[in-house]
Amino acid sequence: MGRSFGRAWLICAAWDFGIVPDPETFTLFRGWRTTFDRYPLATSPAYHAFRSWFGWPPVAKARLLDSTAEQLDRREGRGPDPCRRRM
């Protein structure tokens, strides 16, 4: 993994916790699509925000935690909540 991955990871992690990147970071990351494609950070909202901002194709999102209701639905054989996308 290269230095660019480490930098992208740190910036995304900081933004995920409320430290917004400066305009220079957006300018820098505009040319890093290859890095973002090669090392997806599926659980990072910031990672997905950068992709959206630059108009890059979205990648599958991952969630770290399911709610109790989602766990019970899965255990009891129910499919995903049709209203989940609205949250």
PDB file of N, CA and C in Angstrom:
ATOM      1  N   MET A   1       0.842  -1.176   0.000  1.00  0.00           N
ATOM      2  CA  MET A   1       0.000   0.000   0.000  1.00  0.00           C
ATOM      3  C   MET A   1       0.886   1.237   0.000  1.00  0.00           C
ATOM      4  N   GLY A   2       0.512   2.170  -0.814  1.00  0.00           N
ATOM      5  CA  GLY A   2       1.330   3.348  -0.976  1.00  0.00           C
ATOM      6  C   GLY A   2       0.999   4.458   0.003  1.00  0.00           C
ATOM      7  N   ARG A   3       1.816   5.477  -0.093  1.00  0.00           N
ATOM      8  CA  ARG A   3       1.655   6.643   0.762  1.00  0.00           C
ATOM      9  C   ARG A   3       0.311   7.341   0.520  1.00  0.00           C
ATOM     10  N   SER A   4      -0.156   7.320  -0.740  1.00  0.00           N
ATOM     11  CA  SER A   4      -1.425   7.978  -1.048  1.00  0.00           C
ATOM     12  C   SER A   4      -2.581   7.286  -0.333  1.00  0.00           C
ATOM     13  N   PHE A   5      -2.537   5.956  -0.222  1.00  0.00           N
ATOM     14  CA  PHE A   5      -3.597   5.251   0.510  1.00  0.00           C
ATOM     15  C   PHE A   5      -3.623   5.707   1.961  1.00  0.00           C
ATOM     16  N   GLY A   6      -2.473   5.762   2.590  1.00  0.00           N
ATOM     17  CA  GLY A   6      -2.402   6.182   3.985  1.00  0.00           C
ATOM     18  C   GLY A   6      -2.944   7.578   4.186  1.00  0.00           C
ATOM     19  N   ARG A   7      -2.615   8.472   3.289  1.00  0.00           N
ATOM     20  CA  ARG A   7      -3.100   9.851   3.390  1.00  0.00           C
ATOM     21  C   ARG A   7      -4.615   9.906   3.194  1.00  0.00           C
ATOM     22  N   ALA A   8      -5.122   9.178   2.203  1.00  0.00           N
ATOM     23  CA  ALA A   8      -6.571   9.160   1.953  1.00  0.00           C
ATOM     24  C   ALA A   8      -7.302   8.568   3.156  1.00  0.00           C
ATOM     25  N   TRP A   9      -6.758   7.491   3.720  1.00  0.00           N
ATOM     26  CA  TRP A   9      -7.382   6.853   4.873  1.00  0.00           C
ATOM     27  C   TRP A   9      -7.466   7.815   6.050  1.00  0.00           C
ATOM     28  N   LEU A  10      -6.368   8.516   6.329  1.00  0.00           N
ATOM     29  CA  LEU A  10      -6.358   9.452   7.461  1.00  0.00           C
ATOM     30  C   LEU A  10      -7.336  10.605   7.261  1.00  0.00           C
ATOM     31  N   ILE A  11      -7.370  11.143   6.053  1.00  0.00           N
ATOM     32  CA  ILE A  11      -8.282  12.264   5.776  1.00  0.00           C
ATOM     33  C   ILE A  11      -9.731  11.799   5.899  1.00  0.00           C
ATOM     34  N   CYS A  12     -10.047  10.636   5.346  1.00  0.00           N
ATOM     35  CA  CYS A  12     -11.418  10.123   5.451  1.00  0.00           C
ATOM     36  C   CYS A  12     -11.786   9.857   6.911  1.00  0.00           C
ATOM     37  N   ALA A  13     -10.881   9.265   7.666  1.00  0.00           N
ATOM     38  CA  ALA A  13     -11.159   8.981   9.078  1.00  0.00           C
ATOM     39  C   ALA A  13     -11.390  10.278   9.850  1.00  0.00           C
ATOM     40  N   ALA A  14     -10.578  11.292   9.596  1.00  0.00           N
ATOM     41  CA  ALA A  14     -10.745  12.573  10.285  1.00  0.00           C
ATOM     42  C   ALA A  14     -12.099  13.182   9.950  1.00  0.00           C
ATOM     43  N   TRP A  15     -12.471  13.153   8.669  1.00  0.00           N
ATOM     44  CA  TRP A  15     -13.754  13.740   8.255  1.00  0.00           C
ATOM     45  C   TRP A  15     -14.919  12.956   8.858  1.00  0.00           C
ATOM     46  N   ASP A  16     -14.772  11.633   8.936  1.00  0.00           N
ATOM     47  CA  ASP A  16     -15.820  10.811   9.553  1.00  0.00           C
ATOM     48  C   ASP A  16     -16.086  11.239  10.994  1.00  0.00           C
ATOM     49  N   PHE A  17     -15.086  11.818  11.644  1.00  0.00           N
ATOM     50  CA  PHE A  17     -15.229  12.251  13.038  1.00  0.00           C
ATOM     51  C   PHE A  17     -15.301  13.770  13.174  1.00  0.00           C
ATOM     52  N   GLY A  18     -15.677  14.460  12.077  1.00  0.00           N
ATOM     53  CA  GLY A  18     -16.012  15.872  12.163  1.00  0.00           C
ATOM     54  C   GLY A  18     -14.941  16.873  11.792  1.00  0.00           C
ATOM     55  N   ILE A  19     -13.770  16.421  11.373  1.00  0.00           N
ATOM     56  CA  ILE A  19     -12.717  17.352  10.946  1.00  0.00           C
ATOM     57  C   ILE A  19     -12.786  17.450   9.425  1.00  0.00           C
ATOM     58  N   VAL A  20     -13.367  18.545   8.953  1.00  0.00           N
ATOM     59  CA  VAL A  20     -13.634  18.709   7.518  1.00  0.00           C
ATOM     60  C   VAL A  20     -12.339  19.038   6.767  1.00  0.00           C
ATOM     61  N   PRO A  21     -12.093  18.357   5.645  1.00  0.00           N
ATOM     62  CA  PRO A  21     -10.878  18.632   4.859  1.00  0.00           C
ATOM     63  C   PRO A  21     -10.897  20.046   4.277  1.00  0.00           C
ATOM     64  N   ASP A  22      -9.714  20.600   4.089  1.00  0.00           N
ATOM     65  CA  ASP A  22      -9.622  21.935   3.497  1.00  0.00           C
ATOM     66  C   ASP A  22      -9.722  21.844   1.973  1.00  0.00           C
ATOM     67  N   PRO A  23      -9.940  22.976   1.312  1.00  0.00           N
ATOM     68  CA  PRO A  23     -10.100  22.961  -0.159  1.00  0.00           C
ATOM     69  C   PRO A  23      -8.907  22.349  -0.890  1.00  0.00           C
ATOM     70  N   GLU A  24      -7.700  22.510  -0.347  1.00  0.00           N
ATOM     71  CA  GLU A  24      -6.516  21.931  -1.000  1.00  0.00           C
ATOM     72  C   GLU A  24      -6.592  20.405  -1.039  1.00  0.00           C
ATOM     73  N   THR A  25      -7.191  19.811  -0.005  1.00  0.00           N
ATOM     74  CA  THR A  25      -7.334  18.356   0.024  1.00  0.00           C
ATOM     75  C   THR A  25      -8.262  17.895  -1.088  1.00  0.00           C
ATOM     76  N   PHE A  26      -9.354  18.631  -1.302  1.00  0.00           N
ATOM     77  CA  PHE A  26     -10.254  18.273  -2.395  1.00  0.00           C
ATOM     78  C   PHE A  26      -9.532  18.378  -3.733  1.00  0.00           C
ATOM     79  N   THR A  27      -8.732  19.416  -3.893  1.00  0.00           N
ATOM     80  CA  THR A  27      -7.967  19.583  -5.128  1.00  0.00           C
ATOM     81  C   THR A  27      -6.993  18.424  -5.312  1.00  0.00           C
ATOM     82  N   LEU A  28      -6.313  18.030  -4.250  1.00  0.00           N
ATOM     83  CA  LEU A  28      -5.360  16.928  -4.307  1.00  0.00           C
ATOM     84  C   LEU A  28      -6.051  15.606  -4.645  1.00  0.00           C
ATOM     85  N   PHE A  29      -7.151  15.324  -3.949  1.00  0.00           N
ATOM     86  CA  PHE A  29      -7.822  14.041  -4.121  1.00  0.00           C
ATOM     87  C   PHE A  29      -8.519  13.896  -5.471  1.00  0.00           C
ATOM     88  N   ARG A  30      -8.791  14.994  -6.143  1.00  0.00           N
ATOM     89  CA  ARG A  30      -9.457  14.912  -7.452  1.00  0.00           C
ATOM     90  C   ARG A  30      -8.705  13.977  -8.399  1.00  0.00           C
ATOM     91  N   GLY A  31      -7.387  13.946  -8.305  1.00  0.00           N
ATOM     92  CA  GLY A  31      -6.574  13.092  -9.177  1.00  0.00           C
ATOM     93  C   GLY A  31      -6.268  11.719  -8.606  1.00  0.00           C
ATOM     94  N   TRP A  32      -6.909  11.336  -7.529  1.00  0.00           N
ATOM     95  CA  TRP A  32      -6.593  10.077  -6.850  1.00  0.00           C
ATOM     96  C   TRP A  32      -7.636   8.986  -7.061  1.00  0.00           C
ATOM     97  N   ARG A  33      -8.366   9.046  -8.120  1.00  0.00           N
ATOM     98  CA  ARG A  33      -9.415   8.035  -8.312  1.00  0.00           C
ATOM     99  C   ARG A  33      -8.842   6.618  -8.296  1.00  0.00           C
ATOM    100  N   THR A  34      -7.680   6.423  -8.884  1.00  0.00           N
ATOM    101  CA  THR A  34      -7.072   5.089  -8.900  1.00  0.00           C
ATOM    102  C   THR A  34      -6.878   4.564  -7.488  1.00  0.00           C
ATOM    103  N   THR A  35      -6.406   5.417  -6.602  1.00  0.00           N
ATOM    104  CA  THR A  35      -6.207   5.017  -5.199  1.00  0.00           C
ATOM    105  C   THR A  35      -7.546   4.700  -4.543  1.00  0.00           C
ATOM    106  N   PHE A  36      -8.536   5.564  -4.763  1.00  0.00           N
ATOM    107  CA  PHE A  36      -9.854   5.334  -4.176  1.00  0.00           C
ATOM    108  C   PHE A  36     -10.488   4.056  -4.720  1.00  0.00           C
ATOM    109  N   ASP A  37     -10.255   3.743  -5.987  1.00  0.00           N
ATOM    110  CA  ASP A  37     -10.790   2.515  -6.569  1.00  0.00           C
ATOM    111  C   ASP A  37     -10.062   1.279  -6.034  1.00  0.00           C
ATOM    112  N   ARG A  38      -8.764   1.384  -5.879  1.00  0.00           N
ATOM    113  CA  ARG A  38      -7.959   0.236  -5.458  1.00  0.00           C
ATOM    114  C   ARG A  38      -8.157  -0.116  -3.993  1.00  0.00           C
ATOM    115  N   TYR A  39      -8.374   0.901  -3.149  1.00  0.00           N
ATOM    116  CA  TYR A  39      -8.490   0.686  -1.706  1.00  0.00           C
ATOM    117  C   TYR A  39      -9.807   1.282  -1.185  1.00  0.00           C
ATOM    118  N   PRO A  40     -10.929   0.641  -1.454  1.00  0.00           N
ATOM    119  CA  PRO A  40     -12.206   1.197  -0.999  1.00  0.00           C
ATOM    120  C   PRO A  40     -12.326   1.156   0.528  1.00  0.00           C
ATOM    121  N   LEU A  41     -12.889   2.203   1.075  1.00  0.00           N
ATOM    122  CA  LEU A  41     -13.163   2.290   2.514  1.00  0.00           C
ATOM    123  C   LEU A  41     -14.680   2.238   2.672  1.00  0.00           C
ATOM    124  N   ALA A  42     -15.221   1.046   2.535  1.00  0.00           N
ATOM    125  CA  ALA A  42     -16.665   0.867   2.412  1.00  0.00           C
ATOM    126  C   ALA A  42     -17.463   1.351   3.619  1.00  0.00           C
ATOM    127  N   THR A  43     -16.844   1.439   4.776  1.00  0.00           N
ATOM    128  CA  THR A  43     -17.573   1.868   5.978  1.00  0.00           C
ATOM    129  C   THR A  43     -17.410   3.351   6.266  1.00  0.00           C
ATOM    130  N   SER A  44     -16.699   4.073   5.429  1.00  0.00           N
ATOM    131  CA  SER A  44     -16.420   5.486   5.672  1.00  0.00           C
ATOM    132  C   SER A  44     -17.395   6.395   4.908  1.00  0.00           C
ATOM    133  N   PRO A  45     -18.224   7.157   5.628  1.00  0.00           N
ATOM    134  CA  PRO A  45     -19.092   8.119   4.942  1.00  0.00           C
ATOM    135  C   PRO A  45     -18.288   9.148   4.143  1.00  0.00           C
ATOM    136  N   ALA A  46     -17.136   9.543   4.653  1.00  0.00           N
ATOM    137  CA  ALA A  46     -16.308  10.526   3.947  1.00  0.00           C
ATOM    138  C   ALA A  46     -15.809   9.971   2.612  1.00  0.00           C
ATOM    139  N   TYR A  47     -15.401   8.721   2.603  1.00  0.00           N
ATOM    140  CA  TYR A  47     -14.946   8.078   1.373  1.00  0.00           C
ATOM    141  C   TYR A  47     -16.039   8.162   0.299  1.00  0.00           C
ATOM    142  N   HIS A  48     -17.260   7.835   0.691  1.00  0.00           N
ATOM    143  CA  HIS A  48     -18.378   7.880  -0.256  1.00  0.00           C
ATOM    144  C   HIS A  48     -18.701   9.329  -0.651  1.00  0.00           C
ATOM    145  N   ALA A  49     -18.525  10.257   0.270  1.00  0.00           N
ATOM    146  CA  ALA A  49     -18.758  11.676  -0.048  1.00  0.00           C
ATOM    147  C   ALA A  49     -17.749  12.179  -1.075  1.00  0.00           C
ATOM    148  N   PHE A  50     -16.478  11.811  -0.913  1.00  0.00           N
ATOM    149  CA  PHE A  50     -15.474  12.205  -1.915  1.00  0.00           C
ATOM    150  C   PHE A  50     -15.853  11.647  -3.285  1.00  0.00           C
ATOM    151  N   ARG A  51     -16.219  10.375  -3.347  1.00  0.00           N
ATOM    152  CA  ARG A  51     -16.582   9.766  -4.633  1.00  0.00           C
ATOM    153  C   ARG A  51     -17.743  10.511  -5.268  1.00  0.00           C
ATOM    154  N   SER A  52     -18.733  10.832  -4.470  1.00  0.00           N
ATOM    155  CA  SER A  52     -19.893  11.554  -4.980  1.00  0.00           C
ATOM    156  C   SER A  52     -19.511  12.961  -5.442  1.00  0.00           C
ATOM    157  N   TRP A  53     -18.717  13.654  -4.646  1.00  0.00           N
ATOM    158  CA  TRP A  53     -18.293  15.026  -4.957  1.00  0.00           C
ATOM    159  C   TRP A  53     -17.591  15.096  -6.316  1.00  0.00           C
ATOM    160  N   PHE A  54     -16.731  14.100  -6.572  1.00  0.00           N
ATOM    161  CA  PHE A  54     -15.963  14.110  -7.819  1.00  0.00           C
ATOM    162  C   PHE A  54     -16.708  13.468  -8.985  1.00  0.00           C
ATOM    163  N   GLY A  55     -17.905  12.954  -8.744  1.00  0.00           N
ATOM    164  CA  GLY A  55     -18.681  12.329  -9.810  1.00  0.00           C
ATOM    165  C   GLY A  55     -18.182  10.951 -10.197  1.00  0.00           C
ATOM    166  N   TRP A  56     -17.425  10.303  -9.300  1.00  0.00           N
ATOM    167  CA  TRP A  56     -16.940   8.952  -9.565  1.00  0.00           C
ATOM    168  C   TRP A  56     -18.058   7.961  -9.297  1.00  0.00           C
ATOM    169  N   PRO A  57     -18.023   6.806  -9.951  1.00  0.00           N
ATOM    170  CA  PRO A  57     -19.078   5.804  -9.722  1.00  0.00           C
ATOM    171  C   PRO A  57     -19.106   5.380  -8.249  1.00  0.00           C
ATOM    172  N   PRO A  58     -20.291   5.166  -7.711  1.00  0.00           N
ATOM    173  CA  PRO A  58     -20.375   4.725  -6.317  1.00  0.00           C
ATOM    174  C   PRO A  58     -19.892   3.286  -6.160  1.00  0.00           C
ATOM    175  N   VAL A  59     -19.479   2.952  -4.956  1.00  0.00           N
ATOM    176  CA  VAL A  59     -19.128   1.570  -4.623  1.00  0.00           C
ATOM    177  C   VAL A  59     -20.059   1.121  -3.495  1.00  0.00           C
ATOM    178  N   ALA A  60     -20.137  -0.172  -3.304  1.00  0.00           N
ATOM    179  CA  ALA A  60     -21.031  -0.711  -2.274  1.00  0.00           C
ATOM    180  C   ALA A  60     -20.643  -0.189  -0.896  1.00  0.00           C
ATOM    181  N   LYS A  61     -21.647   0.221  -0.141  1.00  0.00           N
ATOM    182  CA  LYS A  61     -21.427   0.694   1.220  1.00  0.00           C
ATOM    183  C   LYS A  61     -21.540  -0.487   2.177  1.00  0.00           C
ATOM    184  N   ALA A  62     -20.809  -0.409   3.249  1.00  0.00           N
ATOM    185  CA  ALA A  62     -20.881  -1.427   4.291  1.00  0.00           C
ATOM    186  C   ALA A  62     -21.222  -0.745   5.604  1.00  0.00           C
ATOM    187  N   ARG A  63     -21.923  -1.479   6.437  1.00  0.00           N
ATOM    188  CA  ARG A  63     -22.257  -0.940   7.748  1.00  0.00           C
ATOM    189  C   ARG A  63     -21.552  -1.772   8.801  1.00  0.00           C
ATOM    190  N   LEU A  64     -21.091  -1.122   9.836  1.00  0.00           N
ATOM    191  CA  LEU A  64     -20.417  -1.840  10.904  1.00  0.00           C
ATOM    192  C   LEU A  64     -21.394  -2.500  11.866  1.00  0.00           C
ATOM    193  N   LEU A  65     -22.536  -1.855  12.089  1.00  0.00           N
ATOM    194  CA  LEU A  65     -23.481  -2.349  13.079  1.00  0.00           C
ATOM    195  C   LEU A  65     -24.891  -2.414  12.506  1.00  0.00           C
ATOM    196  N   ASP A  66     -25.620  -3.416  12.893  1.00  0.00           N
ATOM    197  CA  ASP A  66     -27.038  -3.501  12.565  1.00  0.00           C
ATOM    198  C   ASP A  66     -27.831  -3.161  13.813  1.00  0.00           C
ATOM    199  N   SER A  67     -28.980  -2.562  13.622  1.00  0.00           N
ATOM    200  CA  SER A  67     -29.855  -2.265  14.753  1.00  0.00           C
ATOM    201  C   SER A  67     -30.442  -3.569  15.287  1.00  0.00           C
ATOM    202  N   THR A  68     -30.979  -3.512  16.488  1.00  0.00           N
ATOM    203  CA  THR A  68     -31.627  -4.690  17.063  1.00  0.00           C
ATOM    204  C   THR A  68     -32.751  -5.172  16.156  1.00  0.00           C
ATOM    205  N   ALA A  69     -33.539  -4.247  15.615  1.00  0.00           N
ATOM    206  CA  ALA A  69     -34.637  -4.623  14.725  1.00  0.00           C
ATOM    207  C   ALA A  69     -34.108  -5.359  13.490  1.00  0.00           C
ATOM    208  N   GLU A  70     -32.997  -4.893  12.918  1.00  0.00           N
ATOM    209  CA  GLU A  70     -32.422  -5.558  11.738  1.00  0.00           C
ATOM    210  C   GLU A  70     -31.914  -6.952  12.088  1.00  0.00           C
ATOM    211  N   GLN A  71     -31.312  -7.093  13.250  1.00  0.00           N
ATOM    212  CA  GLN A  71     -30.841  -8.408  13.690  1.00  0.00           C
ATOM    213  C   GLN A  71     -32.019  -9.368  13.866  1.00  0.00           C
ATOM    214  N   LEU A  72     -33.097  -8.871  14.492  1.00  0.00           N
ATOM    215  CA  LEU A  72     -34.279  -9.716  14.693  1.00  0.00           C
ATOM    216  C   LEU A  72     -34.939 -10.081  13.370  1.00  0.00           C
ATOM    217  N   ASP A  73     -35.040  -9.113  12.465  1.00  0.00           N
ATOM    218  CA  ASP A  73     -35.612  -9.398  11.140  1.00  0.00           C
ATOM    219  C   ASP A  73     -34.840 -10.511  10.444  1.00  0.00           C
ATOM    220  N   ARG A  74     -33.522 -10.412  10.457  1.00  0.00           N
ATOM    221  CA  ARG A  74     -32.686 -11.414   9.798  1.00  0.00           C
ATOM    222  C   ARG A  74     -32.867 -12.782  10.474  1.00  0.00           C
ATOM    223  N   ARG A  75     -32.866 -12.796  11.795  1.00  0.00           N
ATOM    224  CA  ARG A  75     -33.014 -14.048  12.549  1.00  0.00           C
ATOM    225  C   ARG A  75     -34.366 -14.708  12.286  1.00  0.00           C
ATOM    226  N   GLU A  76     -35.399 -13.881  12.101  1.00  0.00           N
ATOM    227  CA  GLU A  76     -36.746 -14.402  11.901  1.00  0.00           C
ATOM    228  C   GLU A  76     -37.109 -14.569  10.424  1.00  0.00           C
ATOM    229  N   GLY A  77     -36.119 -14.396   9.536  1.00  0.00           N
ATOM    230  CA  GLY A  77     -36.313 -14.672   8.118  1.00  0.00           C
ATOM    231  C   GLY A  77     -36.984 -13.580   7.313  1.00  0.00           C
ATOM    232  N   ARG A  78     -37.096 -12.376   7.872  1.00  0.00           N
ATOM    233  CA  ARG A  78     -37.683 -11.257   7.116  1.00  0.00           C
ATOM    234  C   ARG A  78     -36.605 -10.581   6.285  1.00  0.00           C
ATOM    235  N   GLY A  79     -37.001 -10.047   5.154  1.00  0.00           N
ATOM    236  CA  GLY A  79     -36.080  -9.328   4.287  1.00  0.00           C
ATOM    237  C   GLY A  79     -35.779  -7.946   4.829  1.00  0.00           C
ATOM    238  N   PRO A  80     -34.963  -7.196   4.114  1.00  0.00           N
ATOM    239  CA  PRO A  80     -34.618  -5.846   4.559  1.00  0.00           C
ATOM    240  C   PRO A  80     -35.847  -4.935   4.615  1.00  0.00           C
ATOM    241  N   ASP A  81     -35.811  -4.003   5.505  1.00  0.00           N
ATOM    242  CA  ASP A  81     -36.897  -3.027   5.665  1.00  0.00           C
ATOM    243  C   ASP A  81     -36.983  -2.164   4.403  1.00  0.00           C
ATOM    244  N   PRO A  82     -38.152  -2.111   3.748  1.00  0.00           N
ATOM    245  CA  PRO A  82     -38.268  -1.308   2.519  1.00  0.00           C
ATOM    246  C   PRO A  82     -38.080   0.191   2.754  1.00  0.00           C
ATOM    247  N   CYS A  83     -38.184   0.638   3.986  1.00  0.00           N
ATOM    248  CA  CYS A  83     -38.017   2.066   4.303  1.00  0.00           C
ATOM    249  C   CYS A  83     -36.577   2.404   4.671  1.00  0.00           C
ATOM    250  N   ARG A  84     -35.689   1.420   4.704  1.00  0.00           N
ATOM    251  CA  ARG A  84     -34.296   1.628   5.141  1.00  0.00           C
ATOM    252  C   ARG A  84     -33.602   2.732   4.341  1.00  0.00           C
ATOM    253  N   ARG A  85     -33.864   2.792   3.060  1.00  0.00           N
ATOM    254  CA  ARG A  85     -33.194   3.801   2.208  1.00  0.00           C
ATOM    255  C   ARG A  85     -33.584   5.223   2.572  1.00  0.00           C
ATOM    256  N   ARG A  86     -34.703   5.395   3.205  1.00  0.00           N
ATOM    257  CA  ARG A  86     -35.170   6.735   3.565  1.00  0.00           C
ATOM    258  C   ARG A  86     -34.507   7.277   4.813  1.00  0.00           C
ATOM    259  N   MET A  87     -33.805   6.418   5.528  1.00  0.00           N
ATOM    260  CA  MET A  87     -33.144   6.838   6.769  1.00  0.00           C
ATOM    261  C   MET A  87     -31.818   7.469   6.488  1.00  0.00           C
TER     262      MET A  87
END
